[in-house]
C-alpha atoms as a PDB file:
ATOM      1  CA  MET A   1     -58.412-129.693-108.020  1.00  0.00           C
ATOM      2  CA  THR A   2     -57.588-129.747-111.733  1.00  0.00           C
ATOM      3  CA  LEU A   3     -59.306-126.948-113.647  1.00  0.00           C
ATOM      4  CA  VAL A   4     -60.580-127.779-117.136  1.00  0.00           C
ATOM      5  CA  ALA A   5     -61.725-124.840-119.271  1.00  0.00           C
ATOM      6  CA  ILE A   6     -63.852-125.351-122.359  1.00  0.00           C
ATOM      7  CA  LEU A   7     -64.228-122.468-124.806  1.00  0.00           C
ATOM      8  CA  SER A   8     -67.175-123.223-127.066  1.00  0.00           C
ATOM      9  CA  GLY A   9     -68.166-121.500-130.289  1.00  0.00           C
ATOM     10  CA  ALA A  10     -70.961-121.823-132.810  1.00  0.00           C
ATOM     11  CA  GLY A  11     -69.626-125.127-134.132  1.00  0.00           C
ATOM     12  CA  ILE A  12     -70.657-127.000-130.987  1.00  0.00           C
ATOM     13  CA  SER A  13     -74.317-126.138-131.641  1.00  0.00           C
ATOM     14  CA  THR A  14     -74.586-126.860-135.359  1.00  0.00           C
ATOM     15  CA  ASP A  15     -75.553-130.480-134.609  1.00  0.00           C
ATOM     16  CA  SER A  16     -78.464-129.017-132.641  1.00  0.00           C
ATOM     17  CA  GLY A  17     -79.689-127.250-135.778  1.00  0.00           C
ATOM     18  CA  ILE A  18     -78.285-123.806-135.021  1.00  0.00           C
ATOM     19  CA  PRO A  19     -76.225-122.490-137.956  1.00  0.00           C
ATOM     20  CA  ASP A  20     -72.781-121.039-137.387  1.00  0.00           C
ATOM     21  CA  TYR A  21     -71.763-117.603-138.653  1.00  0.00           C
ATOM     22  CA  ARG A  22     -68.469-117.857-140.502  1.00  0.00           C
ATOM     23  CA  GLY A  23     -68.354-121.453-141.729  1.00  0.00           C
ATOM     24  CA  PRO A  24     -68.883-122.447-145.372  1.00  0.00           C
ATOM     25  CA  ASN A  25     -72.668-122.349-144.852  1.00  0.00           C
ATOM     26  CA  GLY A  26     -72.565-119.692-142.154  1.00  0.00           C
ATOM     27  CA  LEU A  27     -75.212-117.024-141.719  1.00  0.00           C
ATOM     28  CA  TRP A  28     -72.957-114.109-142.645  1.00  0.00           C
ATOM     29  CA  ARG A  29     -71.875-115.822-145.879  1.00  0.00           C
ATOM     30  CA  ARG A  30     -75.442-116.656-146.888  1.00  0.00           C
ATOM     31  CA  ASP A  31     -76.938-113.261-146.018  1.00  0.00           C
ATOM     32  CA  PRO A  32     -74.465-110.411-145.443  1.00  0.00           C
ATOM     33  CA  GLU A  33     -77.385-108.051-144.761  1.00  0.00           C
ATOM     34  CA  ALA A  34     -78.287-110.136-141.694  1.00  0.00           C
ATOM     35  CA  GLU A  35     -75.258-108.708-139.897  1.00  0.00           C
ATOM     36  CA  LYS A  36     -77.041-105.331-139.710  1.00  0.00           C
ATOM     37  CA  LEU A  37     -79.781-106.930-137.594  1.00  0.00           C
ATOM     38  CA  VAL A  38     -77.264-107.586-134.830  1.00  0.00           C
ATOM     39  CA  THR A  39     -75.227-104.381-135.164  1.00  0.00           C
ATOM     40  CA  TYR A  40     -75.979-101.978-132.309  1.00  0.00           C
ATOM     41  CA  ASP A  41     -75.872 -98.672-134.205  1.00  0.00           C
ATOM     42  CA  TYR A  42     -78.111 -99.935-137.017  1.00  0.00           C
ATOM     43  CA  TYR A  43     -80.488-101.517-134.496  1.00  0.00           C
ATOM     44  CA  MET A  44     -80.866 -98.405-132.351  1.00  0.00           C
ATOM     45  CA  ALA A  45     -81.219 -95.985-135.276  1.00  0.00           C
ATOM     46  CA  ASP A  46     -83.606 -97.817-137.577  1.00  0.00           C
ATOM     47  CA  PRO A  47     -87.068 -99.105-136.556  1.00  0.00           C
ATOM     48  CA  ALA A  48     -87.186-101.184-139.751  1.00  0.00           C
ATOM     49  CA  ILE A  49     -84.028-103.017-138.686  1.00  0.00           C
ATOM     50  CA  ARG A  50     -85.563-103.651-135.260  1.00  0.00           C
ATOM     51  CA  ARG A  51     -88.739-105.048-136.810  1.00  0.00           C
ATOM     52  CA  ARG A  52     -86.691-107.428-138.960  1.00  0.00           C
ATOM     53  CA  SER A  53     -84.605-108.364-135.921  1.00  0.00           C
ATOM     54  CA  TRP A  54     -87.685-109.325-133.909  1.00  0.00           C
ATOM     55  CA  LEU A  55     -88.929-111.509-136.763  1.00  0.00           C
ATOM     56  CA  MET A  56     -85.502-113.146-136.964  1.00  0.00           C
ATOM     57  CA  ARG A  57     -85.622-113.886-133.239  1.00  0.00           C
ATOM     58  CA  ARG A  58     -89.187-115.183-133.460  1.00  0.00           C
ATOM     59  CA  ASP A  59     -88.219-117.603-136.222  1.00  0.00           C
ATOM     60  CA  SER A  60     -84.862-118.594-134.714  1.00  0.00           C
ATOM     61  CA  THR A  61     -83.970-122.280-134.639  1.00  0.00           C
ATOM     62  CA  THR A  62     -82.717-121.720-131.070  1.00  0.00           C
ATOM     63  CA  TRP A  63     -86.180-122.260-129.606  1.00  0.00           C
ATOM     64  CA  ARG A  64     -86.477-125.732-131.153  1.00  0.00           C
ATOM     65  CA  ALA A  65     -82.880-126.756-130.484  1.00  0.00           C
ATOM     66  CA  GLU A  66     -81.916-129.425-127.965  1.00  0.00           C
ATOM     67  CA  PRO A  67     -78.456-130.092-126.499  1.00  0.00           C
ATOM     68  CA  ASN A  68     -76.461-132.536-128.594  1.00  0.00           C
ATOM     69  CA  PRO A  69     -73.911-135.171-127.486  1.00  0.00           C
ATOM     70  CA  ALA A  70     -71.129-132.570-127.260  1.00  0.00           C
ATOM     71  CA  HIS A  71     -73.099-130.388-124.813  1.00  0.00           C
ATOM     72  CA  ARG A  72     -74.092-133.442-122.813  1.00  0.00           C
ATOM     73  CA  ALA A  73     -70.502-134.728-122.670  1.00  0.00           C
ATOM     74  CA  VAL A  74     -69.354-131.440-121.137  1.00  0.00           C
ATOM     75  CA  ALA A  75     -72.101-131.582-118.502  1.00  0.00           C
ATOM     76  CA  GLU A  76     -71.272-135.234-117.802  1.00  0.00           C
ATOM     77  CA  LEU A  77     -67.620-134.317-117.315  1.00  0.00           C
ATOM     78  CA  ASP A  78     -68.659-131.731-114.746  1.00  0.00           C
ATOM     79  CA  ARG A  79     -70.877-134.191-112.877  1.00  0.00           C
ATOM     80  CA  GLN A  80     -68.633-137.230-112.816  1.00  0.00           C
ATOM     81  CA  SER A  81     -64.964-136.426-113.350  1.00  0.00           C
ATOM     82  CA  GLY A  82     -64.026-134.870-110.026  1.00  0.00           C
ATOM     83  CA  PHE A  83     -62.466-131.947-111.888  1.00  0.00           C
ATOM     84  CA  ALA A  84     -63.419-128.289-111.762  1.00  0.00           C
ATOM     85  CA  VAL A  85     -65.040-127.644-115.142  1.00  0.00           C
ATOM     86  CA  ARG A  86     -65.787-124.174-116.452  1.00  0.00           C
ATOM     87  CA  VAL A  87     -67.422-123.366-119.771  1.00  0.00           C
ATOM     88  CA  ILE A  88     -66.588-120.102-121.505  1.00  0.00           C
ATOM     89  CA  THR A  89     -68.981-119.814-124.425  1.00  0.00           C
ATOM     90  CA  GLN A  90     -69.278-117.473-127.367  1.00  0.00           C
ATOM     91  CA  ASN A  91     -72.765-118.862-127.954  1.00  0.00           C
ATOM     92  CA  VAL A  92     -75.993-117.222-126.841  1.00  0.00           C
ATOM     93  CA  ASP A  93     -78.256-120.280-127.138  1.00  0.00           C
ATOM     94  CA  GLY A  94     -78.183-121.532-123.526  1.00  0.00           C
ATOM     95  CA  LEU A  95     -77.687-125.155-124.603  1.00  0.00           C
ATOM     96  CA  HIS A  96     -74.868-125.811-122.126  1.00  0.00           C
ATOM     97  CA  GLN A  97     -77.248-125.028-119.275  1.00  0.00           C
ATOM     98  CA  LEU A  98     -80.058-127.069-120.849  1.00  0.00           C
ATOM     99  CA  ALA A  99     -77.627-130.003-120.993  1.00  0.00           C
ATOM    100  CA  GLY A 100     -77.092-129.751-117.246  1.00  0.00           C
ATOM    101  CA  MET A 101     -74.199-127.332-116.670  1.00  0.00           C
ATOM    102  CA  PRO A 102     -74.964-125.107-113.661  1.00  0.00           C
ATOM    103  CA  ASP A 103     -75.386-121.423-114.518  1.00  0.00           C
ATOM    104  CA  ARG A 104     -72.529-120.452-112.201  1.00  0.00           C
ATOM    105  CA  LYS A 105     -70.105-122.600-114.197  1.00  0.00           C
ATOM    106  CA  VAL A 106     -70.981-121.085-117.597  1.00  0.00           C
ATOM    107  CA  LEU A 107     -69.590-117.719-118.682  1.00  0.00           C
ATOM    108  CA  GLU A 108     -71.581-116.317-121.601  1.00  0.00           C
ATOM    109  CA  LEU A 109     -69.116-113.947-123.254  1.00  0.00           C
ATOM    110  CA  HIS A 110     -71.649-112.698-125.792  1.00  0.00           C
ATOM    111  CA  GLY A 111     -74.690-112.711-123.510  1.00  0.00           C
ATOM    112  CA  THR A 112     -77.861-114.737-123.915  1.00  0.00           C
ATOM    113  CA  ALA A 113     -80.638-114.804-126.489  1.00  0.00           C
ATOM    114  CA  ARG A 114     -83.072-116.076-123.856  1.00  0.00           C
ATOM    115  CA  THR A 115     -83.345-112.672-122.142  1.00  0.00           C
ATOM    116  CA  VAL A 116     -84.176-109.158-123.336  1.00  0.00           C
ATOM    117  CA  VAL A 117     -82.831-105.949-121.846  1.00  0.00           C
ATOM    118  CA  CYS A 118     -84.061-102.369-122.038  1.00  0.00           C
ATOM    119  CA  THR A 119     -81.456-100.056-123.546  1.00  0.00           C
ATOM    120  CA  ARG A 120     -82.719 -97.163-121.403  1.00  0.00           C
ATOM    121  CA  CYS A 121     -83.518 -98.483-117.910  1.00  0.00           C
ATOM    122  CA  HIS A 122     -81.657-101.834-118.226  1.00  0.00           C
ATOM    123  CA  VAL A 123     -84.529-103.896-116.828  1.00  0.00           C
ATOM    124  CA  ARG A 124     -84.292-107.526-117.941  1.00  0.00           C
ATOM    125  CA  SER A 125     -87.149-109.841-118.823  1.00  0.00           C
ATOM    126  CA  SER A 126     -87.661-113.070-120.721  1.00  0.00           C
ATOM    127  CA  MET A 127     -87.301-113.300-124.471  1.00  0.00           C
ATOM    128  CA  GLU A 128     -90.239-115.687-124.471  1.00  0.00           C
ATOM    129  CA  ASP A 129     -92.556-112.969-123.122  1.00  0.00           C
ATOM    130  CA  ALA A 130     -91.268-110.451-125.680  1.00  0.00           C
ATOM    131  CA  LEU A 131     -91.858-112.879-128.543  1.00  0.00           C
ATOM    132  CA  VAL A 132     -95.412-113.473-127.359  1.00  0.00           C
ATOM    133  CA  ARG A 133     -95.941-109.726-127.793  1.00  0.00           C
ATOM    134  CA  VAL A 134     -94.416-109.848-131.286  1.00  0.00           C
ATOM    135  CA  GLU A 135     -96.685-112.743-132.208  1.00  0.00           C
ATOM    136  CA  ALA A 136     -99.651-110.707-130.959  1.00  0.00           C
ATOM    137  CA  GLY A 137     -98.813-107.907-133.374  1.00  0.00           C
ATOM    138  CA  GLU A 138     -96.266-105.635-131.646  1.00  0.00           C
ATOM    139  CA  GLU A 139     -93.647-105.254-134.370  1.00  0.00           C
ATOM    140  CA  ASP A 140     -91.125-103.465-132.132  1.00  0.00           C
ATOM    141  CA  PRO A 141     -92.245-104.056-128.532  1.00  0.00           C
ATOM    142  CA  PRO A 142     -91.067-101.312-126.148  1.00  0.00           C
ATOM    143  CA  CYS A 143     -89.957-101.795-122.539  1.00  0.00           C
ATOM    144  CA  LEU A 144     -93.012-102.214-120.304  1.00  0.00           C
ATOM    145  CA  ALA A 145     -91.236-100.376-117.487  1.00  0.00           C
ATOM    146  CA  CYS A 146     -90.126 -97.196-119.256  1.00  0.00           C
ATOM    147  CA  GLY A 147     -91.027 -97.397-122.954  1.00  0.00           C
ATOM    148  CA  GLY A 148     -87.384 -97.684-124.028  1.00  0.00           C
ATOM    149  CA  ILE A 149     -86.022 -99.800-126.869  1.00  0.00           C
ATOM    150  CA  LEU A 150     -85.739-103.493-126.064  1.00  0.00           C
ATOM    151  CA  LYS A 151     -82.978-105.679-127.429  1.00  0.00           C
ATOM    152  CA  SER A 152     -81.795-109.207-126.973  1.00  0.00           C
ATOM    153  CA  ALA A 153     -79.406-109.499-124.010  1.00  0.00           C
ATOM    154  CA  THR A 154     -76.659-110.460-126.428  1.00  0.00           C
ATOM    155  CA  VAL A 155     -73.536-108.478-127.241  1.00  0.00           C
ATOM    156  CA  MET A 156     -74.217-106.936-130.632  1.00  0.00           C
ATOM    157  CA  PHE A 157     -71.538-105.818-133.055  1.00  0.00           C
ATOM    158  CA  GLY A 158     -70.365-102.444-131.809  1.00  0.00           C
ATOM    159  CA  GLN A 159     -70.909-103.291-128.128  1.00  0.00           C
ATOM    160  CA  ARG A 160     -68.224-104.148-125.592  1.00  0.00           C
ATOM    161  CA  LEU A 161     -68.157-107.433-123.758  1.00  0.00           C
ATOM    162  CA  ASP A 162     -69.124-107.298-120.090  1.00  0.00           C
ATOM    163  CA  PRO A 163     -65.761-106.467-118.445  1.00  0.00           C
ATOM    164  CA  THR A 164     -66.553-108.574-115.362  1.00  0.00           C
ATOM    165  CA  VAL A 165     -67.351-111.660-117.426  1.00  0.00           C
ATOM    166  CA  LEU A 166     -64.258-111.141-119.594  1.00  0.00           C
ATOM    167  CA  ALA A 167     -62.010-110.712-116.555  1.00  0.00           C
ATOM    168  CA  GLU A 168     -63.321-113.944-115.053  1.00  0.00           C
ATOM    169  CA  ALA A 169     -62.761-115.754-118.363  1.00  0.00           C
ATOM    170  CA  MET A 170     -59.170-114.511-118.485  1.00  0.00           C
ATOM    171  CA  ALA A 171     -58.566-115.626-114.908  1.00  0.00           C
ATOM    172  CA  ILE A 172     -59.840-119.108-115.797  1.00  0.00           C
ATOM    173  CA  ALA A 173     -57.622-119.226-118.905  1.00  0.00           C
ATOM    174  CA  LYS A 174     -54.586-118.353-116.786  1.00  0.00           C
ATOM    175  CA  ALA A 175     -55.387-120.872-114.054  1.00  0.00           C
ATOM    176  CA  CYS A 176     -56.568-123.939-115.975  1.00  0.00           C
ATOM    177  CA  GLU A 177     -54.477-127.039-116.587  1.00  0.00           C
ATOM    178  CA  VAL A 178     -56.446-128.042-119.699  1.00  0.00           C
ATOM    179  CA  PHE A 179     -58.031-125.640-122.197  1.00  0.00           C
ATOM    180  CA  ILE A 180     -60.238-127.069-124.936  1.00  0.00           C
ATOM    181  CA  ALA A 181     -61.392-124.744-127.730  1.00  0.00           C
ATOM    182  CA  VAL A 182     -64.281-126.423-129.522  1.00  0.00           C
ATOM    183  CA  GLY A 183     -66.283-125.258-132.522  1.00  0.00           C
ATOM    184  CA  THR A 184     -64.720-121.816-132.644  1.00  0.00           C
ATOM    185  CA  SER A 185     -62.734-120.190-135.456  1.00  0.00           C
ATOM    186  CA  LEU A 186     -60.659-118.349-132.814  1.00  0.00           C
ATOM    187  CA  GLN A 187     -60.885-115.238-134.962  1.00  0.00           C
ATOM    188  CA  VAL A 188     -63.120-113.020-132.814  1.00  0.00           C
ATOM    189  CA  GLN A 189     -61.240-111.065-130.182  1.00  0.00           C
ATOM    190  CA  PRO A 190     -60.939-110.862-127.253  1.00  0.00           C
ATOM    191  CA  ALA A 191     -62.482-114.337-126.881  1.00  0.00           C
ATOM    192  CA  ALA A 192     -59.942-115.920-129.225  1.00  0.00           C
ATOM    193  CA  SER A 193     -57.025-114.620-127.166  1.00  0.00           C
ATOM    194  CA  LEU A 194     -58.087-116.862-124.281  1.00  0.00           C
ATOM    195  CA  ALA A 195     -56.539-119.840-126.105  1.00  0.00           C
ATOM    196  CA  GLY A 196     -53.223-118.031-126.317  1.00  0.00           C
ATOM    197  CA  ILE A 197     -53.392-116.948-122.671  1.00  0.00           C
ATOM    198  CA  ALA A 198     -53.992-120.553-121.590  1.00  0.00           C
ATOM    199  CA  ALA A 199     -51.055-121.817-123.680  1.00  0.00           C
ATOM    200  CA  GLU A 200     -48.777-119.083-122.302  1.00  0.00           C
ATOM    201  CA  HIS A 201     -49.637-120.226-118.780  1.00  0.00           C
ATOM    202  CA  ALA A 202     -48.693-123.842-119.558  1.00  0.00           C
ATOM    203  CA  ALA A 203     -52.173-125.294-120.031  1.00  0.00           C
ATOM    204  CA  ARG A 204     -52.573-128.220-122.384  1.00  0.00           C
ATOM    205  CA  LEU A 205     -54.314-126.641-125.387  1.00  0.00           C
ATOM    206  CA  VAL A 206     -56.626-128.778-127.504  1.00  0.00           C
ATOM    207  CA  ILE A 207     -58.456-127.344-130.521  1.00  0.00           C
ATOM    208  CA  VAL A 208     -61.501-129.153-131.919  1.00  0.00           C
ATOM    209  CA  ASN A 209     -62.614-127.379-135.083  1.00  0.00           C
ATOM    210  CA  ALA A 210     -63.365-128.267-138.690  1.00  0.00           C
ATOM    211  CA  GLU A 211     -61.136-125.545-140.156  1.00  0.00           C
ATOM    212  CA  PRO A 212     -57.673-124.237-139.201  1.00  0.00           C
ATOM    213  CA  THR A 213     -57.455-121.486-136.576  1.00  0.00           C
ATOM    214  CA  PRO A 214     -54.819-118.804-135.887  1.00  0.00           C
ATOM    215  CA  TYR A 215     -53.864-120.666-132.700  1.00  0.00           C
ATOM    216  CA  ASP A 216     -53.249-124.121-134.179  1.00  0.00           C
ATOM    217  CA  GLU A 217     -49.483-123.772-133.892  1.00  0.00           C
ATOM    218  CA  LEU A 218     -49.793-123.366-130.123  1.00  0.00           C
ATOM    219  CA  ALA A 219     -52.009-126.432-129.707  1.00  0.00           C
ATOM    220  CA  ASP A 220     -50.854-129.683-128.133  1.00  0.00           C
ATOM    221  CA  GLU A 221     -53.556-131.478-130.091  1.00  0.00           C
ATOM    222  CA  ILE A 222     -55.828-130.614-133.010  1.00  0.00           C
ATOM    223  CA  VAL A 223     -59.000-132.566-133.803  1.00  0.00           C
ATOM    224  CA  ARG A 224     -60.837-132.120-137.103  1.00  0.00           C
ATOM    225  CA  GLU A 225     -63.549-134.798-136.742  1.00  0.00           C
ATOM    226  CA  PRO A 226     -67.255-133.893-136.292  1.00  0.00           C
ATOM    227  CA  ILE A 227     -67.697-132.315-132.883  1.00  0.00           C
ATOM    228  CA  GLY A 228     -70.708-134.381-131.790  1.00  0.00           C
ATOM    229  CA  GLU A 229     -68.560-137.509-132.035  1.00  0.00           C
ATOM    230  CA  ALA A 230     -65.093-136.114-131.377  1.00  0.00           C
ATOM    231  CA  LEU A 231     -65.679-134.133-128.176  1.00  0.00           C
ATOM    232  CA  PRO A 232     -67.283-136.939-126.110  1.00  0.00           C
ATOM    233  CA  ALA A 233     -64.468-139.281-127.170  1.00  0.00           C
ATOM    234  CA  LEU A 234     -61.833-136.637-126.459  1.00  0.00           C
ATOM    235  CA  LEU A 235     -63.111-135.952-122.962  1.00  0.00           C
ATOM    236  CA  LYS A 236     -63.129-139.645-122.109  1.00  0.00           C
ATOM    237  CA  ARG A 237     -59.603-140.094-123.453  1.00  0.00           C
ATOM    238  CA  LEU A 238     -58.021-136.842-122.374  1.00  0.00           C
ATOM    239  CA  ILE A 239     -59.322-136.585-118.831  1.00  0.00           C
ATOM    240  CA  PRO A 240     -58.289-139.365-116.448  1.00  0.00           C
ATOM    241  CA  GLY A 241     -60.514-140.698-113.701  1.00  0.00           C
ATOM    242  CA  PRO A 242     -64.218-141.617-113.875  1.00  0.00           C
ATOM    243  CA  ALA A 243     -64.793-139.668-117.124  1.00  0.00           C
ATOM    244  CA  GLY A 244     -62.081-141.669-118.845  1.00  0.00           C
ATOM    245  CA  ASP A 245     -63.213-145.104-117.673  1.00  0.00           C
END
């Protein structure tokens, strides 16, 4: 069975109202101080940073966001094409799953914003429950199991990716016949290297991104059109069979 890998970055979710990080209007360009809120050492050392981080999470556009046509096209490809589809995402918004991709087929390289984890005992619980506590007045809610510091179950700056998830992503990149990088600057390692690994192992590499990436010269095809329109059309054209009818 043909394996199709889709590496998605922040650009796939901008049509859902979630801003990207490094684009012209990206979060880090608009507010460089915001990067401290998702940097592990700052977060663990400074209660004021944690309080600001919880308010940022509470007010995040993620909770109002819905999957857009690009997310839905990926899920439709999985349901109808007859191909093995795997999503490797740099996003933490969970929109691929909300669009219908099964959890087991989505690798979240940078974790998920929909879960919190205790930094001491590693118990996981829902972000929704933690935000209810914040709304009720707990500015920096501790772990209910051990009193430790809670954080979003995302990979913050200064933290390593989960080695098991990364190893699985690399195995998919090596084995796939088609690798589509969509909405990602391909600048953040090691995620970006997956495009190169796929190309080295003879996959057809397609890059869908508004701005040039370091891997463009390896690509078989580059698409610059808006992702919400371009990706559904690309999947219908690129992939033969029912999805291309």
